[in-house]
């Protein structure tokens, strides 16, 4: 087969070709990670009815996880057992 011999140089060329895009992506990820949860959800356009905030205005992670799991469970049979 020729593919195993070509794969490594081809992948290296792909990485070099997309290096600038990759740097931009990681710069955006780092900028997003510096934002607090509410600011990030607002920027991403998440509907405010999905913002589970505690009394202090911070995101209630436990409630968010419960909602996500129940949403997934309603669509996937394998989670209905849990």
N, C-alpha and C. Protein backbone atom coordinates (compact mmCIF):
# COMPACT_ATOMS: atom_id res chain seq x y z
N UNK A 1 0.84 -1.20 0.00
CA UNK A 1 0.00 0.00 0.00
C UNK A 1 0.87 1.25 0.00
N UNK A 2 0.39 2.24 -0.67
CA UNK A 2 1.14 3.49 -0.75
C UNK A 2 0.75 4.47 0.35
N UNK A 3 -0.45 4.34 0.87
CA UNK A 3 -0.94 5.29 1.86
C UNK A 3 -0.06 5.40 3.10
N UNK A 4 0.40 4.34 3.72
CA UNK A 4 1.26 4.49 4.90
C UNK A 4 2.54 5.27 4.62
N UNK A 5 3.05 5.19 3.41
CA UNK A 5 4.27 5.92 3.07
C UNK A 5 4.00 7.40 2.83
N UNK A 6 2.81 7.73 2.40
CA UNK A 6 2.47 9.11 2.06
C UNK A 6 1.82 9.85 3.23
N UNK A 7 1.28 9.10 4.17
CA UNK A 7 0.49 9.72 5.23
C UNK A 7 1.29 10.75 6.03
N UNK A 8 2.47 10.39 6.49
CA UNK A 8 3.23 11.31 7.35
C UNK A 8 3.60 12.62 6.64
N UNK A 9 4.19 12.58 5.44
CA UNK A 9 4.50 13.85 4.76
C UNK A 9 3.24 14.66 4.41
N UNK A 10 2.18 13.97 4.05
CA UNK A 10 0.93 14.66 3.72
C UNK A 10 0.35 15.36 4.94
N UNK A 11 0.37 14.67 6.08
CA UNK A 11 -0.11 15.28 7.32
C UNK A 11 0.75 16.48 7.71
N UNK A 12 2.05 16.37 7.54
CA UNK A 12 2.95 17.48 7.87
C UNK A 12 2.64 18.69 7.00
N UNK A 13 2.40 18.48 5.71
CA UNK A 13 2.02 19.59 4.83
C UNK A 13 0.70 20.22 5.24
N UNK A 14 -0.24 19.38 5.66
CA UNK A 14 -1.54 19.87 6.13
C UNK A 14 -1.36 20.76 7.36
N UNK A 15 -0.53 20.32 8.30
CA UNK A 15 -0.29 21.09 9.52
C UNK A 15 0.36 22.43 9.18
N UNK A 16 1.35 22.42 8.31
CA UNK A 16 2.00 23.66 7.91
C UNK A 16 1.04 24.61 7.20
N UNK A 17 0.18 24.06 6.36
CA UNK A 17 -0.78 24.89 5.62
C UNK A 17 -1.79 25.56 6.55
N UNK A 18 -2.18 24.87 7.63
CA UNK A 18 -3.21 25.38 8.54
C UNK A 18 -2.66 25.96 9.83
N UNK A 19 -1.38 26.21 9.89
CA UNK A 19 -0.75 26.71 11.11
C UNK A 19 -1.32 28.06 11.56
N UNK A 20 -1.52 28.98 10.64
CA UNK A 20 -2.06 30.29 11.00
C UNK A 20 -3.48 30.18 11.54
N UNK A 21 -4.30 29.34 10.92
CA UNK A 21 -5.67 29.15 11.39
C UNK A 21 -5.68 28.53 12.78
N UNK A 22 -4.77 27.61 13.02
CA UNK A 22 -4.67 26.96 14.31
C UNK A 22 -4.28 27.96 15.40
N UNK A 23 -3.36 28.85 15.10
CA UNK A 23 -2.96 29.88 16.06
C UNK A 23 -4.11 30.82 16.38
N UNK A 24 -4.89 31.20 15.36
CA UNK A 24 -6.06 32.06 15.59
C UNK A 24 -7.09 31.35 16.46
N UNK A 25 -7.31 30.07 16.19
CA UNK A 25 -8.26 29.29 16.98
C UNK A 25 -7.86 29.27 18.45
N UNK A 26 -6.59 28.96 18.74
CA UNK A 26 -6.16 28.88 20.13
C UNK A 26 -6.17 30.25 20.81
N UNK A 27 -5.90 31.31 20.07
CA UNK A 27 -5.99 32.66 20.65
C UNK A 27 -7.43 32.96 21.06
N UNK A 28 -8.41 32.57 20.21
CA UNK A 28 -9.82 32.77 20.55
C UNK A 28 -10.23 31.93 21.75
N UNK A 29 -9.78 30.69 21.81
CA UNK A 29 -10.11 29.83 22.94
C UNK A 29 -9.58 30.42 24.24
N UNK A 30 -8.36 30.91 24.22
CA UNK A 30 -7.79 31.52 25.43
C UNK A 30 -8.55 32.78 25.83
N UNK A 31 -8.99 33.56 24.85
CA UNK A 31 -9.77 34.77 25.14
C UNK A 31 -11.13 34.39 25.74
N UNK A 32 -11.77 33.35 25.21
CA UNK A 32 -13.05 32.89 25.76
C UNK A 32 -12.88 32.35 27.18
N UNK A 33 -11.78 31.67 27.45
CA UNK A 33 -11.56 31.10 28.78
C UNK A 33 -11.38 32.17 29.85
N UNK A 34 -11.00 33.36 29.46
CA UNK A 34 -10.85 34.45 30.43
C UNK A 34 -12.19 35.09 30.83
N UNK A 35 -13.24 34.83 30.05
CA UNK A 35 -14.55 35.42 30.32
C UNK A 35 -15.27 34.63 31.41
N UNK A 36 -16.14 35.32 32.16
CA UNK A 36 -16.96 34.59 33.12
C UNK A 36 -18.10 33.90 32.36
N UNK A 37 -18.80 33.00 33.04
CA UNK A 37 -19.80 32.16 32.38
C UNK A 37 -20.93 32.96 31.75
N UNK A 38 -21.45 33.94 32.46
CA UNK A 38 -22.59 34.71 31.96
C UNK A 38 -22.20 35.53 30.73
N UNK A 39 -21.04 36.15 30.76
CA UNK A 39 -20.57 36.93 29.62
C UNK A 39 -20.39 36.03 28.40
N UNK A 40 -19.83 34.86 28.61
CA UNK A 40 -19.60 33.94 27.51
C UNK A 40 -20.93 33.43 26.93
N UNK A 41 -21.87 33.07 27.80
CA UNK A 41 -23.16 32.60 27.30
C UNK A 41 -23.89 33.70 26.54
N UNK A 42 -23.79 34.92 27.02
CA UNK A 42 -24.41 36.05 26.33
C UNK A 42 -23.78 36.24 24.94
N UNK A 43 -22.45 36.18 24.88
CA UNK A 43 -21.74 36.34 23.61
C UNK A 43 -22.11 35.23 22.63
N UNK A 44 -22.25 34.01 23.13
CA UNK A 44 -22.57 32.87 22.26
C UNK A 44 -24.05 32.79 21.91
N UNK A 45 -24.86 33.66 22.49
CA UNK A 45 -26.27 33.70 22.15
C UNK A 45 -27.12 32.65 22.82
N UNK A 46 -26.67 32.16 23.97
CA UNK A 46 -27.45 31.16 24.71
C UNK A 46 -28.67 31.85 25.31
N UNK A 47 -29.84 31.30 25.09
CA UNK A 47 -31.07 31.87 25.62
C UNK A 47 -30.99 31.95 27.14
N UNK A 48 -31.40 33.06 27.71
CA UNK A 48 -31.25 33.28 29.16
C UNK A 48 -32.07 32.30 30.00
N UNK A 49 -33.06 31.63 29.41
CA UNK A 49 -33.82 30.66 30.20
C UNK A 49 -32.97 29.43 30.53
N UNK A 50 -31.84 29.27 29.85
CA UNK A 50 -30.93 28.17 30.13
C UNK A 50 -29.80 28.58 31.08
N UNK A 51 -29.81 29.81 31.55
CA UNK A 51 -28.79 30.27 32.48
C UNK A 51 -29.26 29.92 33.89
N UNK A 52 -28.70 28.91 34.47
CA UNK A 52 -29.08 28.52 35.83
C UNK A 52 -28.16 29.25 36.80
N UNK A 53 -28.64 30.39 37.27
CA UNK A 53 -27.83 31.23 38.15
C UNK A 53 -28.22 31.01 39.60
N UNK A 54 -27.22 31.00 40.46
CA UNK A 54 -27.48 30.90 41.89
C UNK A 54 -27.85 32.29 42.41
N UNK A 55 -28.09 32.39 43.69
CA UNK A 55 -28.49 33.67 44.28
C UNK A 55 -27.43 34.75 44.10
N UNK A 56 -26.17 34.37 44.06
CA UNK A 56 -25.08 35.34 43.92
C UNK A 56 -24.82 35.75 42.48
N UNK A 57 -25.61 35.26 41.55
CA UNK A 57 -25.43 35.61 40.15
C UNK A 57 -24.41 34.74 39.44
N UNK A 58 -23.87 33.74 40.13
CA UNK A 58 -22.92 32.81 39.52
C UNK A 58 -23.68 31.65 38.90
N UNK A 59 -23.06 31.01 37.95
CA UNK A 59 -23.67 29.87 37.28
C UNK A 59 -23.76 28.69 38.24
N UNK A 60 -24.94 28.08 38.34
CA UNK A 60 -25.16 26.91 39.17
C UNK A 60 -24.82 25.68 38.35
N UNK A 61 -23.59 25.19 38.50
CA UNK A 61 -23.09 24.09 37.67
C UNK A 61 -23.89 22.81 37.87
N UNK A 62 -24.26 22.50 39.10
CA UNK A 62 -24.99 21.26 39.36
C UNK A 62 -26.33 21.24 38.63
N UNK A 63 -27.05 22.34 38.67
CA UNK A 63 -28.34 22.41 37.98
C UNK A 63 -28.15 22.33 36.47
N UNK A 64 -27.09 22.96 35.97
CA UNK A 64 -26.81 22.91 34.54
C UNK A 64 -26.53 21.48 34.09
N UNK A 65 -25.74 20.76 34.87
CA UNK A 65 -25.41 19.38 34.52
C UNK A 65 -26.66 18.51 34.56
N UNK A 66 -27.50 18.68 35.58
CA UNK A 66 -28.74 17.90 35.66
C UNK A 66 -29.62 18.14 34.44
N UNK A 67 -29.71 19.38 34.01
CA UNK A 67 -30.53 19.72 32.84
C UNK A 67 -29.96 19.10 31.57
N UNK A 68 -28.65 19.17 31.41
CA UNK A 68 -28.02 18.59 30.22
C UNK A 68 -28.23 17.08 30.19
N UNK A 69 -28.02 16.42 31.33
CA UNK A 69 -28.19 14.97 31.39
C UNK A 69 -29.63 14.58 31.10
N UNK A 70 -30.58 15.30 31.65
CA UNK A 70 -31.98 14.95 31.40
C UNK A 70 -32.35 15.21 29.94
N UNK A 71 -31.78 16.24 29.32
CA UNK A 71 -32.04 16.51 27.91
C UNK A 71 -31.46 15.40 27.04
N UNK A 72 -30.24 15.00 27.34
CA UNK A 72 -29.61 13.91 26.59
C UNK A 72 -30.40 12.62 26.78
N UNK A 73 -30.80 12.36 28.02
CA UNK A 73 -31.53 11.13 28.31
C UNK A 73 -32.86 11.06 27.56
N UNK A 74 -33.46 12.20 27.32
CA UNK A 74 -34.74 12.18 26.61
C UNK A 74 -34.56 11.83 25.13
N UNK A 75 -33.35 11.99 24.61
CA UNK A 75 -33.11 11.70 23.20
C UNK A 75 -32.34 10.41 22.96
N UNK A 76 -31.58 9.94 23.94
CA UNK A 76 -30.77 8.74 23.76
C UNK A 76 -31.25 7.62 24.67
N UNK A 77 -31.55 6.48 24.12
CA UNK A 77 -32.06 5.35 24.88
C UNK A 77 -31.08 4.85 25.93
N UNK A 78 -29.79 4.85 25.63
CA UNK A 78 -28.82 4.27 26.56
C UNK A 78 -28.78 5.03 27.88
N UNK A 79 -29.15 6.29 27.92
CA UNK A 79 -29.15 7.05 29.16
C UNK A 79 -30.45 6.89 29.95
N UNK A 80 -31.47 6.31 29.36
CA UNK A 80 -32.74 6.14 30.07
C UNK A 80 -32.62 5.14 31.20
N UNK A 81 -31.62 4.30 31.18
CA UNK A 81 -31.40 3.32 32.22
C UNK A 81 -30.93 4.00 33.51
N UNK A 82 -30.19 5.08 33.38
CA UNK A 82 -29.60 5.77 34.54
C UNK A 82 -30.63 6.42 35.42
